[in-house]
Amino acid sequence: MSRVCELTGKKVMTGNNVSHAHNKTRRRFLPNLVQATLISDALGRSVSLRISTHALRSVEHNHGLDNFLLKQRDANLSPKAQKLKAEIKKKAAAAA
């Protein structure tokens, strides 16, 4: 399983550990990923996604998963999240 957020596309970054003597060794900065179950109001069901804690805060700030997905660009979303976004758009179009 790759270390990539399914909603924001945040992934592993690389850099250096720098010692007091200024020796540099390579290291990895891992995103803080959690397995979260989010509720979609439009679909009326819960969805389990592997997302970063930053994305979780963003979802709450945007008043739910549906609003967050509709504002997010498809390039950042995982295939699973893109399908979910399409389902939400379809439900919204049918309701309107």
C-alpha atoms as a PDB file:
ATOM      1  CA  MET A   1       0.000   0.000   0.000  1.00  0.00           C
ATOM      2  CA  SER A   2       1.524   3.313  -1.042  1.00  0.00           C
ATOM      3  CA  ARG A   3       1.898   6.186   1.386  1.00  0.00           C
ATOM      4  CA  VAL A   4      -0.320   8.661  -0.473  1.00  0.00           C
ATOM      5  CA  CYS A   5      -3.368  10.526   0.814  1.00  0.00           C
ATOM      6  CA  GLU A   6      -6.446   9.561  -1.204  1.00  0.00           C
ATOM      7  CA  LEU A   7      -8.005  13.028  -1.006  1.00  0.00           C
ATOM      8  CA  THR A   8      -5.133  15.509  -1.288  1.00  0.00           C
ATOM      9  CA  GLY A   9      -2.415  13.504  -3.037  1.00  0.00           C
ATOM     10  CA  LYS A  10       0.082  14.297  -0.274  1.00  0.00           C
ATOM     11  CA  LYS A  11       2.951  11.786  -0.485  1.00  0.00           C
ATOM     12  CA  VAL A  12       6.411  10.950   0.847  1.00  0.00           C
ATOM     13  CA  MET A  13       9.043  13.691   0.596  1.00  0.00           C
ATOM     14  CA  THR A  14      12.798  13.275   0.849  1.00  0.00           C
ATOM     15  CA  GLY A  15      15.495  15.397   2.405  1.00  0.00           C
ATOM     16  CA  ASN A  16      18.605  15.288   4.553  1.00  0.00           C
ATOM     17  CA  ASN A  17      19.405  14.651   8.189  1.00  0.00           C
ATOM     18  CA  VAL A  18      22.031  17.254   9.018  1.00  0.00           C
ATOM     19  CA  SER A  19      24.295  16.537  11.988  1.00  0.00           C
ATOM     20  CA  HIS A  20      26.079  19.051  14.179  1.00  0.00           C
ATOM     21  CA  ALA A  21      29.206  18.399  12.079  1.00  0.00           C
ATOM     22  CA  HIS A  22      27.106  19.177   8.984  1.00  0.00           C
ATOM     23  CA  ASN A  23      27.202  15.582   7.699  1.00  0.00           C
ATOM     24  CA  LYS A  24      24.235  14.907   5.442  1.00  0.00           C
ATOM     25  CA  THR A  25      22.398  11.590   5.185  1.00  0.00           C
ATOM     26  CA  ARG A  26      19.222  10.993   3.196  1.00  0.00           C
ATOM     27  CA  ARG A  27      15.920  10.574   4.981  1.00  0.00           C
ATOM     28  CA  ARG A  28      12.212  10.346   4.215  1.00  0.00           C
ATOM     29  CA  PHE A  29       9.416  12.572   5.497  1.00  0.00           C
ATOM     30  CA  LEU A  30       6.301  10.378   5.740  1.00  0.00           C
ATOM     31  CA  PRO A  31       2.801  11.888   5.662  1.00  0.00           C
ATOM     32  CA  ASN A  32       0.648  11.320   8.732  1.00  0.00           C
ATOM     33  CA  LEU A  33      -1.898   8.911   7.225  1.00  0.00           C
ATOM     34  CA  VAL A  34      -4.899   7.485   9.081  1.00  0.00           C
ATOM     35  CA  GLN A  35      -7.645   5.073   8.091  1.00  0.00           C
ATOM     36  CA  ALA A  36     -10.781   7.211   8.392  1.00  0.00           C
ATOM     37  CA  THR A  37     -14.429   6.399   7.836  1.00  0.00           C
ATOM     38  CA  LEU A  38     -16.269   9.438   6.480  1.00  0.00           C
ATOM     39  CA  ILE A  39     -20.004   9.821   5.917  1.00  0.00           C
ATOM     40  CA  SER A  40     -21.331  11.011   2.575  1.00  0.00           C
ATOM     41  CA  ASP A  41     -24.599  12.914   3.045  1.00  0.00           C
ATOM     42  CA  ALA A  42     -25.568  12.720  -0.626  1.00  0.00           C
ATOM     43  CA  LEU A  43     -25.027   8.960  -0.867  1.00  0.00           C
ATOM     44  CA  GLY A  44     -26.276   8.184   2.619  1.00  0.00           C
ATOM     45  CA  ARG A  45     -23.435   5.800   3.434  1.00  0.00           C
ATOM     46  CA  SER A  46     -20.020   5.755   5.005  1.00  0.00           C
ATOM     47  CA  VAL A  47     -16.771   5.482   3.048  1.00  0.00           C
ATOM     48  CA  SER A  48     -13.428   4.229   4.358  1.00  0.00           C
ATOM     49  CA  LEU A  49     -10.405   6.129   3.029  1.00  0.00           C
ATOM     50  CA  ARG A  50      -6.696   6.358   3.874  1.00  0.00           C
ATOM     51  CA  ILE A  51      -6.160  10.085   4.288  1.00  0.00           C
ATOM     52  CA  SER A  52      -3.746  12.487   5.952  1.00  0.00           C
ATOM     53  CA  THR A  53      -4.752  14.240   9.151  1.00  0.00           C
ATOM     54  CA  HIS A  54      -4.478  17.527   7.237  1.00  0.00           C
ATOM     55  CA  ALA A  55      -7.113  16.263   4.781  1.00  0.00           C
ATOM     56  CA  LEU A  56      -9.344  15.180   7.669  1.00  0.00           C
ATOM     57  CA  ARG A  57      -9.229  18.719   9.074  1.00  0.00           C
ATOM     58  CA  SER A  58      -9.961  20.112   5.597  1.00  0.00           C
ATOM     59  CA  VAL A  59     -12.991  17.848   5.203  1.00  0.00           C
ATOM     60  CA  GLU A  60     -14.367  19.079   8.533  1.00  0.00           C
ATOM     61  CA  HIS A  61     -13.616  22.699   7.575  1.00  0.00           C
ATOM     62  CA  ASN A  62     -15.587  22.272   4.302  1.00  0.00           C
ATOM     63  CA  HIS A  63     -18.631  20.893   6.176  1.00  0.00           C
ATOM     64  CA  GLY A  64     -18.357  17.296   5.041  1.00  0.00           C
ATOM     65  CA  LEU A  65     -16.926  14.918   2.499  1.00  0.00           C
ATOM     66  CA  ASP A  66     -19.329  15.867  -0.313  1.00  0.00           C
ATOM     67  CA  ASN A  67     -18.422  19.571  -0.324  1.00  0.00           C
ATOM     68  CA  PHE A  68     -14.713  18.781  -0.050  1.00  0.00           C
ATOM     69  CA  LEU A  69     -14.741  16.356  -3.001  1.00  0.00           C
ATOM     70  CA  LEU A  70     -16.715  18.721  -5.230  1.00  0.00           C
ATOM     71  CA  LYS A  71     -14.144  21.497  -4.630  1.00  0.00           C
ATOM     72  CA  GLN A  72     -11.074  19.245  -5.059  1.00  0.00           C
ATOM     73  CA  ARG A  73      -9.344  18.807  -8.446  1.00  0.00           C
ATOM     74  CA  ASP A  74      -9.421  15.311  -9.968  1.00  0.00           C
ATOM     75  CA  ALA A  75      -5.626  15.271 -10.377  1.00  0.00           C
ATOM     76  CA  ASN A  76      -5.167  15.105  -6.591  1.00  0.00           C
ATOM     77  CA  LEU A  77      -7.771  12.417  -5.974  1.00  0.00           C
ATOM     78  CA  SER A  78      -7.195   8.667  -5.986  1.00  0.00           C
ATOM     79  CA  PRO A  79      -9.262   6.536  -8.407  1.00  0.00           C
ATOM     80  CA  LYS A  80     -11.489   5.481  -5.504  1.00  0.00           C
ATOM     81  CA  ALA A  81     -12.125   9.122  -4.546  1.00  0.00           C
ATOM     82  CA  GLN A  82     -12.759  10.066  -8.197  1.00  0.00           C
ATOM     83  CA  LYS A  83     -15.479   7.405  -8.454  1.00  0.00           C
ATOM     84  CA  LEU A  84     -16.982   8.675  -5.218  1.00  0.00           C
ATOM     85  CA  LYS A  85     -16.977  12.245  -6.563  1.00  0.00           C
ATOM     86  CA  ALA A  86     -18.714  11.093  -9.764  1.00  0.00           C
ATOM     87  CA  GLU A  87     -21.402   9.300  -7.725  1.00  0.00           C
ATOM     88  CA  ILE A  88     -21.989  12.432  -5.641  1.00  0.00           C
ATOM     89  CA  LYS A  89     -22.283  14.607  -8.776  1.00  0.00           C
ATOM     90  CA  LYS A  90     -24.743  12.127 -10.270  1.00  0.00           C
ATOM     91  CA  LYS A  91     -26.901  12.139  -7.107  1.00  0.00           C
ATOM     92  CA  ALA A  92     -26.835  15.938  -6.987  1.00  0.00           C
ATOM     93  CA  ALA A  93     -27.886  16.183 -10.647  1.00  0.00           C
ATOM     94  CA  ALA A  94     -30.734  13.726 -10.092  1.00  0.00           C
ATOM     95  CA  ALA A  95     -31.955  15.632  -7.040  1.00  0.00           C
ATOM     96  CA  ALA A  96     -31.926  18.983  -8.864  1.00  0.00           C
END
